[in-house]
Amino acid sequence: MKAFLILEDGTVFTGTSIGSQREVISEIVFNTSMTGYLEVLTDPSYAGQAVCMTYPLIGNYGICYDDAESERPWLDGYIVHELARTPSNFRSQDTIQNFLLKYDIPGIAGIDTRDLTKILREKGTMNGMITTDEHYDLEAVLPRLKAYTTGNVVEKVTCREKSVLEGTGKRVALMDFGAKRNIARSLNQRGCQVTIYPADTTAEEILADHPDGIMLSNGPGDPKECTGIIREVRKLYESDVPIFAICLGHQLMALANGCDTHKMKYGHRGGNHPVKDLATGQVYISSQNHGYVVDTEQVSPQVAVPAFVNVNDGTNEGLSYTGKNIFTVQFHPEACPGPQDSGYLFDRFMNMMGGNQ
């Protein structure tokens, strides 16, 4: 069946429907990863977005549910050039086509995804529609696209109740703003008992559980939409508990301390982004998924100093907070692009909490 991708600038791509035939309007973004498509599909940070994969062949090693980063996919739509419908991999349990159908995710295949990516790079991220309606009215569709916003997507993806991943070591409170599973796993593998809290949990409740450390997770959307969470993060900052924050958590901690964030032209999404540790000069290959960035020009050195920088465009990739056991990163050290280049950051967090004792 034919499918159409309509962008808010009026550009139309024609391809083949994959997954659900449901019509969807979403923010269109691109990801440059060559592998890891299941991790992309199940990353809660993509809530409110449809993802275009720039690599031309997707699905060749199938779906292995053990690799999922959450219980279900959160993205709105999926866009690929060529979909491998007969995967070859001894771990494969399913195909992308079946996976998209199972979770009612619309998609489109057979379009020039690199052309789409160039449009998004030149004009910036924009909204779009995936539809199978061959009789769509472009003039009627465009105002709907321009009016779309992702809204409060953190509320959509966070867990509904507190849960515990048992361990015999340090007690870590993980704030779930759309946390990828491997964050909790990375802590648990280091012996930590990880208690996962919904995004609207108060700082008082978290601190009453006497954690040895606090982890602020990744998540979707505009960090400035999270006004209530930012107030609670400020209270956590004022405690003496060590804090490590990733991606959205990094942005929320910055906003809680009077810094500013802004939306990037097309963001960083992929498993091949080089970041430089400013303390050592070492460059790491990182996995990233964000459309907003902290404005370091407005960060006072009395509050924090830049700790990492993106080698490609010079944007901030992390902060170290002055006089506090707090550090934050924009990229994903729990992911495996290097494959484990920046996993040492979890060890740094362990040391801040007093090590593995």
Protein backbone atom coordinates (compact mmCIF):
# COMPACT_ATOMS: atom_id res chain seq x y z
CA MET A 1 0.00 0.00 0.00
CA LYS A 2 1.20 3.51 -0.81
CA ALA A 3 2.14 5.84 2.02
CA PHE A 4 3.01 9.53 2.05
CA LEU A 5 5.25 11.63 4.24
CA ILE A 6 4.15 15.28 4.16
CA LEU A 7 6.42 17.92 5.69
CA GLU A 8 5.23 21.27 6.98
CA ASP A 9 7.17 23.07 4.22
CA GLY A 10 4.96 21.28 1.66
CA THR A 11 7.48 18.62 0.61
CA VAL A 12 5.87 15.22 -0.06
CA PHE A 13 7.63 11.85 -0.18
CA THR A 14 5.85 8.81 -1.63
CA GLY A 15 6.71 5.31 -0.43
CA THR A 16 5.23 2.10 0.93
CA SER A 17 3.31 1.71 4.17
CA ILE A 18 4.99 -0.38 6.88
CA GLY A 19 3.47 -1.19 10.24
CA SER A 20 0.16 0.39 11.18
CA GLN A 21 -1.89 2.24 8.57
CA ARG A 22 -2.94 4.76 11.18
CA GLU A 23 -2.38 8.41 10.23
CA VAL A 24 0.01 10.31 12.48
CA ILE A 25 1.34 13.87 12.83
CA SER A 26 4.66 14.20 14.61
CA GLU A 27 7.99 15.99 14.77
CA ILE A 28 10.31 14.47 12.14
CA VAL A 29 13.90 13.80 13.24
CA PHE A 30 16.76 11.70 11.87
CA ASN A 31 19.11 9.19 13.48
CA THR A 32 22.52 8.36 11.98
CA SER A 33 23.08 4.98 13.69
CA MET A 34 24.00 2.06 11.46
CA THR A 35 22.77 -0.49 14.04
CA GLY A 36 20.74 -0.41 17.23
CA TYR A 37 17.40 0.25 15.58
CA LEU A 38 15.47 -1.63 18.30
CA GLU A 39 17.10 0.58 20.92
CA VAL A 40 15.95 3.59 18.88
CA LEU A 41 12.43 2.21 18.55
CA THR A 42 12.15 1.65 22.32
CA ASP A 43 13.96 4.77 23.58
CA PRO A 44 11.37 6.85 25.50
CA SER A 45 13.22 10.03 24.48
CA TYR A 46 11.61 9.70 21.03
CA ALA A 47 8.07 10.19 22.37
CA GLY A 48 6.32 12.78 20.21
CA GLN A 49 8.66 12.19 17.26
CA ALA A 50 8.84 10.12 14.07
CA VAL A 51 12.36 8.87 13.35
CA CYS A 52 14.06 8.72 9.97
CA MET A 53 16.99 6.28 9.85
CA THR A 54 19.74 7.60 7.57
CA TYR A 55 21.37 4.18 7.13
CA PRO A 56 19.76 2.75 3.96
CA LEU A 57 19.01 -0.83 5.11
CA ILE A 58 17.17 -1.38 8.39
CA GLY A 59 15.94 -4.63 9.93
CA ASN A 60 18.52 -7.09 8.59
CA TYR A 61 19.24 -8.65 12.01
CA GLY A 62 15.62 -8.66 13.14
CA ILE A 63 14.22 -7.90 16.58
CA CYS A 64 15.63 -9.31 19.82
CA TYR A 65 13.38 -8.24 22.67
CA ASP A 66 16.20 -8.54 25.23
CA ASP A 67 17.77 -5.46 23.61
CA ALA A 68 14.73 -3.22 24.14
CA GLU A 69 15.29 -0.08 26.24
CA SER A 70 11.72 -0.04 27.57
CA GLU A 71 8.59 -2.16 27.67
CA ARG A 72 7.27 -0.75 24.38
CA PRO A 73 8.14 1.70 21.58
CA TRP A 74 7.37 5.35 22.28
CA LEU A 75 8.02 7.02 18.94
CA ASP A 76 5.11 8.12 16.74
CA GLY A 77 6.37 6.83 13.40
CA TYR A 78 9.27 5.13 11.61
CA ILE A 79 10.87 6.12 8.31
CA VAL A 80 13.36 3.95 6.39
CA HIS A 81 14.77 3.66 2.88
CA GLU A 82 14.73 -0.16 2.66
CA LEU A 83 13.17 -2.52 5.18
CA ALA A 84 14.69 -6.02 5.42
CA ARG A 85 11.63 -8.23 5.76
CA THR A 86 13.57 -11.52 6.14
CA PRO A 87 16.17 -10.98 8.87
CA SER A 88 19.16 -13.27 9.39
CA ASN A 89 20.39 -13.52 12.98
CA PHE A 90 20.39 -16.41 15.48
CA ARG A 91 19.03 -14.05 18.17
CA SER A 92 16.18 -12.71 16.04
CA GLN A 93 12.70 -13.18 17.50
CA ASP A 94 10.64 -10.99 15.19
CA THR A 95 10.69 -8.59 12.25
CA ILE A 96 10.38 -4.82 12.35
CA GLN A 97 7.20 -5.06 10.27
CA ASN A 98 5.53 -7.29 12.88
CA PHE A 99 6.92 -5.16 15.71
CA LEU A 100 5.40 -1.98 14.24
CA LEU A 101 2.08 -3.73 13.67
CA LYS A 102 2.05 -5.14 17.20
CA TYR A 103 2.41 -1.68 18.74
CA ASP A 104 0.30 0.21 16.17
CA ILE A 105 3.24 2.32 14.96
CA PRO A 106 2.86 3.77 11.42
CA GLY A 107 5.83 3.83 9.11
CA ILE A 108 6.96 4.46 5.56
CA ALA A 109 9.65 2.73 3.51
CA GLY A 110 11.05 3.25 0.03
CA ILE A 111 11.71 6.98 0.24
CA ASP A 112 15.03 8.77 -0.20
CA THR A 113 15.90 9.11 3.48
CA ARG A 114 19.14 10.95 2.76
CA ASP A 115 17.26 13.57 0.78
CA LEU A 116 14.87 13.92 3.72
CA THR A 117 17.84 14.24 6.08
CA LYS A 118 19.39 17.00 3.95
CA ILE A 119 16.10 18.92 4.06
CA LEU A 120 15.99 18.64 7.85
CA ARG A 121 19.62 19.72 8.15
CA GLU A 122 19.13 22.72 5.87
CA LYS A 123 15.73 23.88 7.14
CA GLY A 124 15.80 22.42 10.64
CA THR A 125 13.58 19.87 12.36
CA MET A 126 9.98 20.21 11.25
CA ASN A 127 6.64 18.52 11.74
CA GLY A 128 5.20 16.02 9.30
CA MET A 129 2.44 13.53 8.64
CA ILE A 130 2.59 9.87 7.66
CA THR A 131 -0.62 8.85 5.89
CA THR A 132 -1.96 6.21 3.51
CA ASP A 133 -4.73 8.52 2.28
CA GLU A 134 -4.07 9.05 -1.44
CA HIS A 135 -6.69 11.81 -1.51
CA TYR A 136 -5.07 14.02 1.13
CA ASP A 137 -5.65 17.77 0.81
CA LEU A 138 -2.26 19.45 1.15
CA GLU A 139 -3.76 22.87 1.90
CA ALA A 140 -5.80 21.36 4.72
CA VAL A 141 -2.89 19.31 6.09
CA LEU A 142 -0.25 22.06 6.36
CA PRO A 143 -1.99 24.14 9.08
CA ARG A 144 -2.40 20.97 11.16
CA LEU A 145 1.31 20.26 10.84
CA LYS A 146 2.32 23.75 11.88
CA ALA A 147 0.03 23.56 14.92
CA TYR A 148 1.47 20.29 16.27
CA THR A 149 3.50 20.31 19.52
CA THR A 150 4.89 17.34 21.44
CA GLY A 151 3.36 18.57 24.71
CA ASN A 152 4.29 17.15 28.12
CA VAL A 153 5.73 13.85 26.94
CA VAL A 154 7.67 13.14 30.15
CA GLU A 155 4.34 12.58 31.88
CA LYS A 156 3.48 10.08 29.13
CA VAL A 157 6.62 7.92 29.36
CA THR A 158 7.51 7.86 33.06
CA CYS A 159 6.75 4.85 35.25
CA ARG A 160 3.49 4.90 37.21
CA GLU A 161 4.83 3.67 40.54
CA LYS A 162 8.06 3.18 42.43
CA SER A 163 9.97 -0.06 41.84
CA VAL A 164 13.24 -1.57 43.08
CA LEU A 165 16.03 -3.37 41.24
CA GLU A 166 17.65 -5.29 44.08
CA GLY A 167 21.34 -5.03 44.89
CA THR A 168 23.63 -5.36 47.90
CA GLY A 169 25.66 -2.17 47.45
CA LYS A 170 24.93 1.54 47.29
CA ARG A 171 21.31 2.69 47.21
CA VAL A 172 20.64 4.83 44.13
CA ALA A 173 17.44 6.78 43.47
CA LEU A 174 16.77 6.86 39.72
CA MET A 175 14.37 9.59 38.59
CA ASP A 176 12.51 8.21 35.59
CA PHE A 177 11.90 10.99 33.07
CA GLY A 178 11.87 8.35 30.31
CA ALA A 179 14.79 6.27 31.51
CA LYS A 180 16.43 3.72 29.24
CA ARG A 181 16.69 0.31 30.90
CA ASN A 182 20.46 0.19 30.61
CA ILE A 183 20.89 3.09 33.04
CA ALA A 184 19.46 0.99 35.87
CA ARG A 185 21.35 -2.06 34.59
CA SER A 186 24.67 -0.19 34.52
CA LEU A 187 24.19 0.79 38.17
CA ASN A 188 22.93 -2.64 39.21
CA GLN A 189 25.93 -4.34 37.55
CA ARG A 190 28.10 -2.27 39.91
CA GLY A 191 26.23 -3.70 42.88
CA CYS A 192 23.77 -0.87 43.40
CA GLN A 193 20.23 -1.27 44.64
CA VAL A 194 18.30 0.97 42.25
CA THR A 195 14.96 2.45 43.26
CA ILE A 196 13.12 3.89 40.25
CA TYR A 197 10.78 6.82 40.93
CA PRO A 198 8.05 8.39 38.76
CA ALA A 199 8.92 11.80 37.33
CA ASP A 200 6.48 13.66 39.60
CA THR A 201 7.98 12.29 42.84
CA THR A 202 8.87 15.04 45.31
CA ALA A 203 12.42 15.65 46.45
CA GLU A 204 11.25 15.15 50.03
CA GLU A 205 10.06 11.60 49.29
CA ILE A 206 13.32 10.70 47.55
CA LEU A 207 15.53 12.13 50.30
CA ALA A 208 13.40 10.45 52.98
CA ASP A 209 14.54 7.09 51.54
CA HIS A 210 18.17 8.09 52.31
CA PRO A 211 19.79 7.26 48.96
CA ASP A 212 23.57 7.18 48.64
CA GLY A 213 23.24 8.80 45.22
CA ILE A 214 20.64 10.19 42.84
CA MET A 215 20.45 9.56 39.10
CA LEU A 216 18.47 11.90 36.81
CA SER A 217 17.55 10.07 33.62
CA ASN A 218 17.14 10.91 29.97
CA GLY A 219 13.70 11.72 28.58
CA PRO A 220 11.76 13.40 25.77
CA GLY A 221 10.60 16.90 24.94
CA ASP A 222 11.45 20.49 25.81
CA PRO A 223 13.07 20.63 29.27
CA LYS A 224 11.42 24.00 29.96
CA GLU A 225 8.02 22.26 29.91
CA CYS A 226 9.02 20.39 33.09
CA THR A 227 8.48 23.30 35.49
CA GLY A 228 7.38 21.21 38.48
CA ILE A 229 10.22 18.74 38.03
CA ILE A 230 12.75 21.57 37.82
CA ARG A 231 11.62 22.83 41.25
CA GLU A 232 12.17 19.37 42.74
CA VAL A 233 15.57 19.01 41.03
CA ARG A 234 16.61 22.28 42.67
CA LYS A 235 15.81 20.78 46.07
CA LEU A 236 17.89 17.72 45.21
CA TYR A 237 20.75 20.02 44.19
CA GLU A 238 20.60 21.71 47.59
CA SER A 239 21.03 18.37 49.37
CA ASP A 240 24.48 16.86 49.89
CA VAL A 241 23.61 13.66 48.03
CA PRO A 242 25.86 12.91 44.99
CA ILE A 243 24.00 13.34 41.69
CA PHE A 244 24.71 12.06 38.18
CA ALA A 245 22.41 13.22 35.37
CA ILE A 246 22.07 12.14 31.73
CA CYS A 247 20.55 13.98 28.74
CA LEU A 248 17.23 15.53 29.85
CA GLY A 249 18.40 15.20 33.45
CA HIS A 250 21.47 17.24 32.51
CA GLN A 251 19.27 19.97 31.05
CA LEU A 252 16.89 19.98 34.02
CA MET A 253 19.76 20.37 36.49
CA ALA A 254 21.06 23.32 34.47
CA LEU A 255 17.63 24.97 34.39
CA ALA A 256 17.26 24.37 38.13
CA ASN A 257 20.37 26.47 38.64
CA GLY A 258 19.38 29.47 36.55
CA CYS A 259 20.97 28.37 33.27
CA ASP A 260 19.15 28.38 29.94
CA THR A 261 18.50 25.87 27.16
CA HIS A 262 17.49 26.30 23.53
CA LYS A 263 16.25 24.10 20.72
CA MET A 264 18.89 23.01 18.23
CA LYS A 265 18.40 23.28 14.48
CA TYR A 266 18.22 19.50 14.01
CA GLY A 267 19.72 18.01 17.17
CA HIS A 268 22.12 15.14 17.78
CA ARG A 269 20.74 11.64 17.26
CA GLY A 270 22.96 8.66 16.54
CA GLY A 271 25.69 6.38 17.83
CA ASN A 272 28.68 8.15 16.32
CA HIS A 273 29.06 11.57 18.01
CA PRO A 274 32.56 12.47 19.30
CA VAL A 275 32.73 14.24 22.67
CA LYS A 276 35.82 15.59 24.40
CA ASP A 277 36.49 15.33 28.12
CA LEU A 278 37.85 18.79 28.91
CA ALA A 279 39.69 17.54 32.01
CA THR A 280 41.76 14.92 30.16
CA GLY A 281 41.55 15.86 26.50
CA GLN A 282 40.33 12.34 25.72
CA VAL A 283 37.74 12.02 22.93
CA TYR A 284 34.99 9.41 23.21
CA ILE A 285 32.48 8.12 20.67
CA SER A 286 29.05 8.64 22.17
CA SER A 287 25.42 7.77 21.61
CA GLN A 288 23.12 10.78 21.59
CA ASN A 289 19.46 11.66 21.31
CA HIS A 290 18.55 15.25 22.02
CA GLY A 291 17.08 18.30 20.32
CA TYR A 292 17.84 20.82 23.08
CA VAL A 293 21.15 22.01 24.51
CA VAL A 294 22.40 23.97 27.53
CA ASP A 295 23.64 27.51 26.79
CA THR A 296 27.08 27.51 28.41
CA GLU A 297 27.50 31.27 27.84
CA GLN A 298 25.04 31.79 30.67
CA VAL A 299 26.60 29.24 33.06
CA SER A 300 28.41 31.02 35.90
CA PRO A 301 31.65 29.30 37.01
CA GLN A 302 30.40 29.76 40.56
CA VAL A 303 27.62 27.32 39.63
CA ALA A 304 29.23 24.91 37.15
CA VAL A 305 31.99 24.56 34.58
CA PRO A 306 31.85 22.78 31.20
CA ALA A 307 33.13 19.20 31.47
CA PHE A 308 32.52 17.87 27.94
CA VAL A 309 32.17 19.47 24.52
CA ASN A 310 30.89 18.13 21.21
CA VAL A 311 33.83 17.89 18.81
CA ASN A 312 31.66 18.45 15.73
CA ASP A 313 29.86 21.66 16.63
CA GLY A 314 31.28 22.84 19.97
CA THR A 315 28.01 22.53 21.89
CA ASN A 316 28.01 21.61 25.55
CA GLU A 317 28.03 17.90 26.42
CA GLY A 318 28.38 18.02 30.20
CA LEU A 319 28.79 20.14 33.34
CA SER A 320 30.64 19.72 36.62
CA TYR A 321 28.97 21.61 39.47
CA THR A 322 31.21 23.82 41.58
CA GLY A 323 31.46 22.77 45.23
CA LYS A 324 29.00 19.91 44.71
CA ASN A 325 29.24 16.16 44.11
CA ILE A 326 27.24 16.65 40.93
CA PHE A 327 28.16 16.08 37.31
CA THR A 328 25.93 15.83 34.26
CA VAL A 329 26.34 14.73 30.64
CA GLN A 330 24.29 15.36 27.52
CA PHE A 331 25.22 12.05 25.87
CA HIS A 332 24.41 8.46 26.87
CA PRO A 333 27.23 6.62 28.69
CA GLU A 334 24.92 3.64 29.29
CA ALA A 335 24.68 3.02 25.53
CA CYS A 336 27.40 1.09 23.71
CA PRO A 337 28.61 3.00 20.65
CA GLY A 338 32.33 2.77 21.48
CA PRO A 339 31.24 0.13 22.60
CA GLN A 340 31.86 1.19 26.23
CA ASP A 341 33.98 4.29 25.84
CA SER A 342 32.24 6.40 28.45
CA GLY A 343 31.06 3.71 30.87
CA TYR A 344 33.74 4.98 33.27
CA LEU A 345 31.34 7.79 34.18
CA PHE A 346 29.28 5.29 36.18
CA ASP A 347 32.50 4.35 38.01
CA ARG A 348 33.06 8.04 38.74
CA PHE A 349 29.56 8.20 40.20
CA MET A 350 30.32 5.13 42.32
CA ASN A 351 33.43 6.85 43.68
CA MET A 352 31.39 9.94 44.54
CA MET A 353 29.13 7.70 46.62
CA GLY A 354 32.12 6.15 48.39
CA GLY A 355 33.01 3.36 46.02
CA ASN A 356 31.70 -0.21 46.02
CA GLN A 357 31.98 -0.66 49.79
